[in-house]
Amino acid sequence: MNKSYFSIIVALILIVALIAVFTGVFYPHHSGNQTNTSNNNTTYIPNNTYSANGLTFNYPADWKQISNLDSPSRWGYGDPIVAYYQPIGNGSEDYIETYFYIKQRNVGSLDEMLSDYRSDIAAIGQTEVSERNITVNGMKAVELIKTWRNGNIQYMALTVHIEAVPGSKYYRIGCVVPASEYNATLPKFEMVVNSFKPQ
């Protein structure tokens, strides 16, 4: 009687061990490797730190600050606090395709800020692609992606609406790039967003 119980226990242990080996061999990417894969794909982006106007964030080291912030056609109503662009050709501000800007908004809520923004983009014929709730350094935020066409070029913009002080102080980070270069440029924009902090 004891021998048969012992045999059943040994058989169960062997079955469990075989299942563990089977799942380890045939499903090696199940958990740990996903994290490793994303870490291996993370490329260091040389960067500088902006620290002024009550803000701090990192930006790509080869990008240049936009000096002419009075350009409503570029970023809609209200000039930004600061903006940077990716230089091409001679590196001047005459021709800018890829850039980001940061605006401060004094509105009553994140919902109000988003409602105003949706109205603005609809009025100028831009299309919202997606929206999701995120956090930026512990601050409540909403990420909104939009697209539009200017001449022969399709553009995409990642906009992040951040609640710095609930009920009074909000920021928008707008990141614009030709749609064909969006995926390649996204890590640079994410670096800006993820390092953003009001001082």
C-alpha atoms as a PDB file:
ATOM      1  CA  MET A   1       0.000   0.000   0.000  1.00  0.00           C
ATOM      2  CA  ASN A   2       2.742   2.450   0.940  1.00  0.00           C
ATOM      3  CA  LYS A   3       4.692   1.499  -2.188  1.00  0.00           C
ATOM      4  CA  SER A   4       1.751   2.330  -4.448  1.00  0.00           C
ATOM      5  CA  TYR A   5       1.285   5.769  -2.825  1.00  0.00           C
ATOM      6  CA  PHE A   6       5.003   6.350  -3.164  1.00  0.00           C
ATOM      7  CA  SER A   7       4.846   5.377  -6.863  1.00  0.00           C
ATOM      8  CA  ILE A   8       1.916   7.763  -7.464  1.00  0.00           C
ATOM      9  CA  ILE A   9       3.781  10.651  -5.782  1.00  0.00           C
ATOM     10  CA  VAL A  10       6.919   9.979  -7.824  1.00  0.00           C
ATOM     11  CA  ALA A  11       4.850   9.800 -11.018  1.00  0.00           C
ATOM     12  CA  LEU A  12       3.159  13.149 -10.216  1.00  0.00           C
ATOM     13  CA  ILE A  13       6.516  14.790  -9.522  1.00  0.00           C
ATOM     14  CA  LEU A  14       7.852  13.500 -12.856  1.00  0.00           C
ATOM     15  CA  ILE A  15       4.769  14.807 -14.708  1.00  0.00           C
ATOM     16  CA  VAL A  16       5.127  18.260 -13.119  1.00  0.00           C
ATOM     17  CA  ALA A  17       8.841  18.291 -13.957  1.00  0.00           C
ATOM     18  CA  LEU A  18       8.135  17.316 -17.571  1.00  0.00           C
ATOM     19  CA  ILE A  19       5.503  20.069 -17.885  1.00  0.00           C
ATOM     20  CA  ALA A  20       7.996  22.604 -16.523  1.00  0.00           C
ATOM     21  CA  VAL A  21      10.679  21.454 -18.964  1.00  0.00           C
ATOM     22  CA  PHE A  22       8.197  21.414 -21.863  1.00  0.00           C
ATOM     23  CA  THR A  23       6.978  24.951 -21.253  1.00  0.00           C
ATOM     24  CA  GLY A  24      10.520  26.208 -20.726  1.00  0.00           C
ATOM     25  CA  VAL A  25      11.731  24.689 -23.993  1.00  0.00           C
ATOM     26  CA  PHE A  26       8.801  25.513 -26.239  1.00  0.00           C
ATOM     27  CA  TYR A  27       7.815  28.910 -24.778  1.00  0.00           C
ATOM     28  CA  PRO A  28      11.126  30.612 -23.936  1.00  0.00           C
ATOM     29  CA  HIS A  29       9.859  34.143 -24.709  1.00  0.00           C
ATOM     30  CA  HIS A  30       6.955  34.003 -22.318  1.00  0.00           C
ATOM     31  CA  SER A  31       7.971  36.511 -19.649  1.00  0.00           C
ATOM     32  CA  GLY A  32      11.563  37.378 -18.886  1.00  0.00           C
ATOM     33  CA  ASN A  33      12.720  37.593 -22.466  1.00  0.00           C
ATOM     34  CA  GLN A  34      10.158  40.250 -23.370  1.00  0.00           C
ATOM     35  CA  THR A  35      11.754  42.610 -20.881  1.00  0.00           C
ATOM     36  CA  ASN A  36      15.230  41.713 -22.088  1.00  0.00           C
ATOM     37  CA  THR A  37      14.222  42.236 -25.699  1.00  0.00           C
ATOM     38  CA  SER A  38      12.959  45.754 -25.047  1.00  0.00           C
ATOM     39  CA  ASN A  39      16.075  46.578 -23.019  1.00  0.00           C
ATOM     40  CA  ASN A  40      18.307  45.318 -25.825  1.00  0.00           C
ATOM     41  CA  ASN A  41      16.464  47.544 -28.313  1.00  0.00           C
ATOM     42  CA  THR A  42      16.930  50.645 -26.165  1.00  0.00           C
ATOM     43  CA  THR A  43      19.463  52.866 -27.869  1.00  0.00           C
ATOM     44  CA  TYR A  44      21.226  55.626 -25.970  1.00  0.00           C
ATOM     45  CA  ILE A  45      20.325  59.032 -27.370  1.00  0.00           C
ATOM     46  CA  PRO A  46      22.963  61.719 -26.735  1.00  0.00           C
ATOM     47  CA  ASN A  47      21.140  64.519 -24.967  1.00  0.00           C
ATOM     48  CA  ASN A  48      21.354  67.860 -23.236  1.00  0.00           C
ATOM     49  CA  THR A  49      19.235  69.142 -20.367  1.00  0.00           C
ATOM     50  CA  TYR A  50      17.041  72.214 -20.585  1.00  0.00           C
ATOM     51  CA  SER A  51      16.535  73.980 -17.265  1.00  0.00           C
ATOM     52  CA  ALA A  52      14.768  77.354 -17.394  1.00  0.00           C
ATOM     53  CA  ASN A  53      11.301  78.912 -17.210  1.00  0.00           C
ATOM     54  CA  GLY A  54      10.432  76.638 -14.311  1.00  0.00           C
ATOM     55  CA  LEU A  55      10.981  73.481 -16.381  1.00  0.00           C
ATOM     56  CA  THR A  56      13.558  70.774 -16.840  1.00  0.00           C
ATOM     57  CA  PHE A  57      13.726  68.080 -19.527  1.00  0.00           C
ATOM     58  CA  ASN A  58      16.213  66.276 -21.737  1.00  0.00           C
ATOM     59  CA  TYR A  59      16.328  66.784 -25.503  1.00  0.00           C
ATOM     60  CA  PRO A  60      18.462  65.339 -28.349  1.00  0.00           C
ATOM     61  CA  ALA A  61      21.933  66.895 -28.244  1.00  0.00           C
ATOM     62  CA  ASP A  62      21.980  67.729 -31.957  1.00  0.00           C
ATOM     63  CA  TRP A  63      18.603  69.530 -31.935  1.00  0.00           C
ATOM     64  CA  LYS A  64      18.493  73.338 -31.913  1.00  0.00           C
ATOM     65  CA  GLN A  65      16.285  75.721 -29.994  1.00  0.00           C
ATOM     66  CA  ILE A  66      13.763  77.611 -32.112  1.00  0.00           C
ATOM     67  CA  SER A  67      14.336  81.334 -31.651  1.00  0.00           C
ATOM     68  CA  ASN A  68      11.205  82.551 -33.485  1.00  0.00           C
ATOM     69  CA  LEU A  69       8.393  81.420 -31.193  1.00  0.00           C
ATOM     70  CA  ASP A  70       5.872  83.879 -32.678  1.00  0.00           C
ATOM     71  CA  SER A  71       4.596  81.518 -35.364  1.00  0.00           C
ATOM     72  CA  PRO A  72       0.911  80.668 -34.850  1.00  0.00           C
ATOM     73  CA  SER A  73       0.719  78.707 -38.092  1.00  0.00           C
ATOM     74  CA  ARG A  74       3.243  76.267 -36.692  1.00  0.00           C
ATOM     75  CA  TRP A  75       1.648  75.405 -33.356  1.00  0.00           C
ATOM     76  CA  GLY A  76      -1.761  76.998 -33.170  1.00  0.00           C
ATOM     77  CA  TYR A  77      -3.014  79.649 -30.769  1.00  0.00           C
ATOM     78  CA  GLY A  78      -0.582  80.806 -28.122  1.00  0.00           C
ATOM     79  CA  ASP A  79       3.171  80.732 -28.362  1.00  0.00           C
ATOM     80  CA  PRO A  80       5.129  78.036 -26.547  1.00  0.00           C
ATOM     81  CA  ILE A  81       7.529  78.537 -23.673  1.00  0.00           C
ATOM     82  CA  VAL A  82      10.264  76.740 -25.592  1.00  0.00           C
ATOM     83  CA  ALA A  83      10.663  74.690 -28.767  1.00  0.00           C
ATOM     84  CA  TYR A  84      13.415  72.619 -30.395  1.00  0.00           C
ATOM     85  CA  TYR A  85      13.821  71.266 -33.923  1.00  0.00           C
ATOM     86  CA  GLN A  86      15.868  68.648 -35.699  1.00  0.00           C
ATOM     87  CA  PRO A  87      18.166  70.483 -38.130  1.00  0.00           C
ATOM     88  CA  ILE A  88      18.373  69.304 -41.727  1.00  0.00           C
ATOM     89  CA  GLY A  89      20.443  70.673 -44.586  1.00  0.00           C
ATOM     90  CA  ASN A  90      21.956  73.950 -43.451  1.00  0.00           C
ATOM     91  CA  GLY A  91      20.300  73.630 -40.043  1.00  0.00           C
ATOM     92  CA  SER A  92      18.427  76.940 -40.203  1.00  0.00           C
ATOM     93  CA  GLU A  93      14.895  77.627 -38.981  1.00  0.00           C
ATOM     94  CA  ASP A  94      13.711  78.358 -42.518  1.00  0.00           C
ATOM     95  CA  TYR A  95      12.662  74.765 -43.089  1.00  0.00           C
ATOM     96  CA  ILE A  96      11.526  72.763 -40.079  1.00  0.00           C
ATOM     97  CA  GLU A  97       9.739  69.413 -40.323  1.00  0.00           C
ATOM     98  CA  THR A  98      10.533  67.673 -37.040  1.00  0.00           C
ATOM     99  CA  TYR A  99      10.224  69.565 -33.770  1.00  0.00           C
ATOM    100  CA  PHE A 100       8.663  69.686 -30.334  1.00  0.00           C
ATOM    101  CA  TYR A 101       7.285  72.538 -28.287  1.00  0.00           C
ATOM    102  CA  ILE A 102       6.086  73.030 -24.713  1.00  0.00           C
ATOM    103  CA  LYS A 103       3.168  75.287 -23.823  1.00  0.00           C
ATOM    104  CA  GLN A 104       1.778  76.172 -20.420  1.00  0.00           C
ATOM    105  CA  ARG A 105      -1.994  76.426 -20.110  1.00  0.00           C
ATOM    106  CA  ASN A 106      -3.886  77.955 -17.186  1.00  0.00           C
ATOM    107  CA  VAL A 107      -7.165  76.071 -17.428  1.00  0.00           C
ATOM    108  CA  GLY A 108      -9.477  74.553 -14.830  1.00  0.00           C
ATOM    109  CA  SER A 109      -8.990  70.879 -15.628  1.00  0.00           C
ATOM    110  CA  LEU A 110      -7.327  68.357 -17.879  1.00  0.00           C
ATOM    111  CA  ASP A 111     -10.725  67.696 -19.473  1.00  0.00           C
ATOM    112  CA  GLU A 112     -11.085  71.391 -20.318  1.00  0.00           C
ATOM    113  CA  MET A 113      -7.622  71.451 -21.863  1.00  0.00           C
ATOM    114  CA  LEU A 114      -8.360  68.373 -23.973  1.00  0.00           C
ATOM    115  CA  SER A 115     -11.770  69.664 -25.041  1.00  0.00           C
ATOM    116  CA  ASP A 116     -10.207  72.944 -26.250  1.00  0.00           C
ATOM    117  CA  TYR A 117      -7.481  71.016 -28.068  1.00  0.00           C
ATOM    118  CA  ARG A 118      -9.914  68.664 -29.816  1.00  0.00           C
ATOM    119  CA  SER A 119     -11.923  71.681 -31.011  1.00  0.00           C
ATOM    120  CA  ASP A 120      -8.752  73.335 -32.324  1.00  0.00           C
ATOM    121  CA  ILE A 121      -7.556  70.319 -34.301  1.00  0.00           C
ATOM    122  CA  ALA A 122     -11.013  69.664 -35.741  1.00  0.00           C
ATOM    123  CA  ALA A 123     -11.292  73.306 -36.848  1.00  0.00           C
ATOM    124  CA  ILE A 124      -8.091  73.062 -38.903  1.00  0.00           C
ATOM    125  CA  GLY A 125      -8.883  69.669 -40.422  1.00  0.00           C
ATOM    126  CA  GLN A 126      -6.574  67.470 -38.376  1.00  0.00           C
ATOM    127  CA  THR A 127      -7.632  63.966 -37.304  1.00  0.00           C
ATOM    128  CA  GLU A 128      -7.261  62.382 -33.876  1.00  0.00           C
ATOM    129  CA  VAL A 129      -5.768  58.889 -34.195  1.00  0.00           C
ATOM    130  CA  SER A 130      -5.601  57.678 -30.600  1.00  0.00           C
ATOM    131  CA  GLU A 131      -5.807  58.755 -26.992  1.00  0.00           C
ATOM    132  CA  ARG A 132      -4.742  57.162 -23.700  1.00  0.00           C
ATOM    133  CA  ASN A 133      -4.240  58.055 -20.063  1.00  0.00           C
ATOM    134  CA  ILE A 134      -0.624  58.024 -18.867  1.00  0.00           C
ATOM    135  CA  THR A 135       1.480  59.473 -16.068  1.00  0.00           C
ATOM    136  CA  VAL A 136       4.547  61.675 -16.502  1.00  0.00           C
ATOM    137  CA  ASN A 137       6.803  61.651 -13.448  1.00  0.00           C
ATOM    138  CA  GLY A 138       3.794  61.029 -11.219  1.00  0.00           C
ATOM    139  CA  MET A 139       1.631  63.675 -12.898  1.00  0.00           C
ATOM    140  CA  LYS A 140      -1.689  62.752 -14.483  1.00  0.00           C
ATOM    141  CA  ALA A 141      -1.526  63.111 -18.274  1.00  0.00           C
ATOM    142  CA  VAL A 142      -3.240  62.201 -21.529  1.00  0.00           C
ATOM    143  CA  GLU A 143      -1.384  61.222 -24.685  1.00  0.00           C
ATOM    144  CA  LEU A 144      -3.155  62.152 -27.912  1.00  0.00           C
ATOM    145  CA  ILE A 145      -1.874  61.330 -31.394  1.00  0.00           C
ATOM    146  CA  LYS A 146      -3.133  63.213 -34.433  1.00  0.00           C
ATOM    147  CA  THR A 147      -2.395  63.348 -38.147  1.00  0.00           C
ATOM    148  CA  TRP A 148      -2.849  65.761 -41.076  1.00  0.00           C
ATOM    149  CA  ARG A 149      -1.532  66.508 -44.534  1.00  0.00           C
ATOM    150  CA  ASN A 150       0.421  69.596 -45.598  1.00  0.00           C
ATOM    151  CA  GLY A 151       0.999  69.579 -49.338  1.00  0.00           C
ATOM    152  CA  ASN A 152       2.515  66.227 -50.260  1.00  0.00           C
ATOM    153  CA  ILE A 153       3.616  65.382 -46.720  1.00  0.00           C
ATOM    154  CA  GLN A 154       1.553  63.483 -44.160  1.00  0.00           C
ATOM    155  CA  TYR A 155       2.406  64.572 -40.612  1.00  0.00           C
ATOM    156  CA  MET A 156       1.848  62.982 -37.234  1.00  0.00           C
ATOM    157  CA  ALA A 157       1.996  64.606 -33.831  1.00  0.00           C
ATOM    158  CA  LEU A 158       2.326  63.080 -30.409  1.00  0.00           C
ATOM    159  CA  THR A 159       0.801  65.510 -27.921  1.00  0.00           C
ATOM    160  CA  VAL A 160       1.000  64.975 -24.181  1.00  0.00           C
ATOM    161  CA  HIS A 161      -1.296  67.020 -21.938  1.00  0.00           C
ATOM    162  CA  ILE A 162       0.040  67.138 -18.365  1.00  0.00           C
ATOM    163  CA  GLU A 163      -1.676  68.172 -15.145  1.00  0.00           C
ATOM    164  CA  ALA A 164       1.140  69.773 -13.123  1.00  0.00           C
ATOM    165  CA  VAL A 165      -1.030  71.536 -10.523  1.00  0.00           C
ATOM    166  CA  PRO A 166      -4.621  70.247 -10.521  1.00  0.00           C
ATOM    167  CA  GLY A 167      -7.073  73.039 -11.249  1.00  0.00           C
ATOM    168  CA  SER A 168      -4.532  75.650 -12.314  1.00  0.00           C
ATOM    169  CA  LYS A 169      -1.348  74.655 -14.164  1.00  0.00           C
ATOM    170  CA  TYR A 170      -1.201  72.411 -17.213  1.00  0.00           C
ATOM    171  CA  TYR A 171       1.403  71.762 -19.908  1.00  0.00           C
ATOM    172  CA  ARG A 172       1.221  70.466 -23.439  1.00  0.00           C
ATOM    173  CA  ILE A 173       4.197  68.881 -25.144  1.00  0.00           C
ATOM    174  CA  GLY A 174       3.613  68.759 -28.893  1.00  0.00           C
ATOM    175  CA  CYS A 175       5.931  66.594 -30.976  1.00  0.00           C
ATOM    176  CA  VAL A 176       5.609  66.881 -34.769  1.00  0.00           C
ATOM    177  CA  VAL A 177       7.230  64.739 -37.464  1.00  0.00           C
ATOM    178  CA  PRO A 178       6.509  63.520 -41.022  1.00  0.00           C
ATOM    179  CA  ALA A 179       4.440  60.331 -40.640  1.00  0.00           C
ATOM    180  CA  SER A 180       7.051  58.281 -42.519  1.00  0.00           C
ATOM    181  CA  GLU A 181       9.612  59.092 -39.790  1.00  0.00           C
ATOM    182  CA  TYR A 182       7.320  58.810 -36.770  1.00  0.00           C
ATOM    183  CA  ASN A 183       8.494  55.408 -35.486  1.00  0.00           C
ATOM    184  CA  ALA A 184      12.171  56.273 -35.883  1.00  0.00           C
ATOM    185  CA  THR A 185      11.795  59.629 -34.104  1.00  0.00           C
ATOM    186  CA  LEU A 186       9.431  58.473 -31.349  1.00  0.00           C
ATOM    187  CA  PRO A 187      12.217  57.447 -28.879  1.00  0.00           C
ATOM    188  CA  LYS A 188      13.550  61.025 -29.006  1.00  0.00           C
ATOM    189  CA  PHE A 189      10.121  62.465 -28.278  1.00  0.00           C
ATOM    190  CA  GLU A 190       9.580  59.931 -25.487  1.00  0.00           C
ATOM    191  CA  MET A 191      12.883  61.016 -23.922  1.00  0.00           C
ATOM    192  CA  VAL A 192      11.602  64.608 -23.772  1.00  0.00           C
ATOM    193  CA  VAL A 193       8.250  63.593 -22.309  1.00  0.00           C
ATOM    194  CA  ASN A 194       9.603  61.085 -19.779  1.00  0.00           C
ATOM    195  CA  SER A 195      12.188  63.541 -18.426  1.00  0.00           C
ATOM    196  CA  PHE A 196       9.779  66.498 -18.203  1.00  0.00           C
ATOM    197  CA  LYS A 197       9.442  68.067 -14.741  1.00  0.00           C
ATOM    198  CA  PRO A 198       8.238  71.433 -13.535  1.00  0.00           C
ATOM    199  CA  GLN A 199      10.849  72.812 -11.122  1.00  0.00           C
END
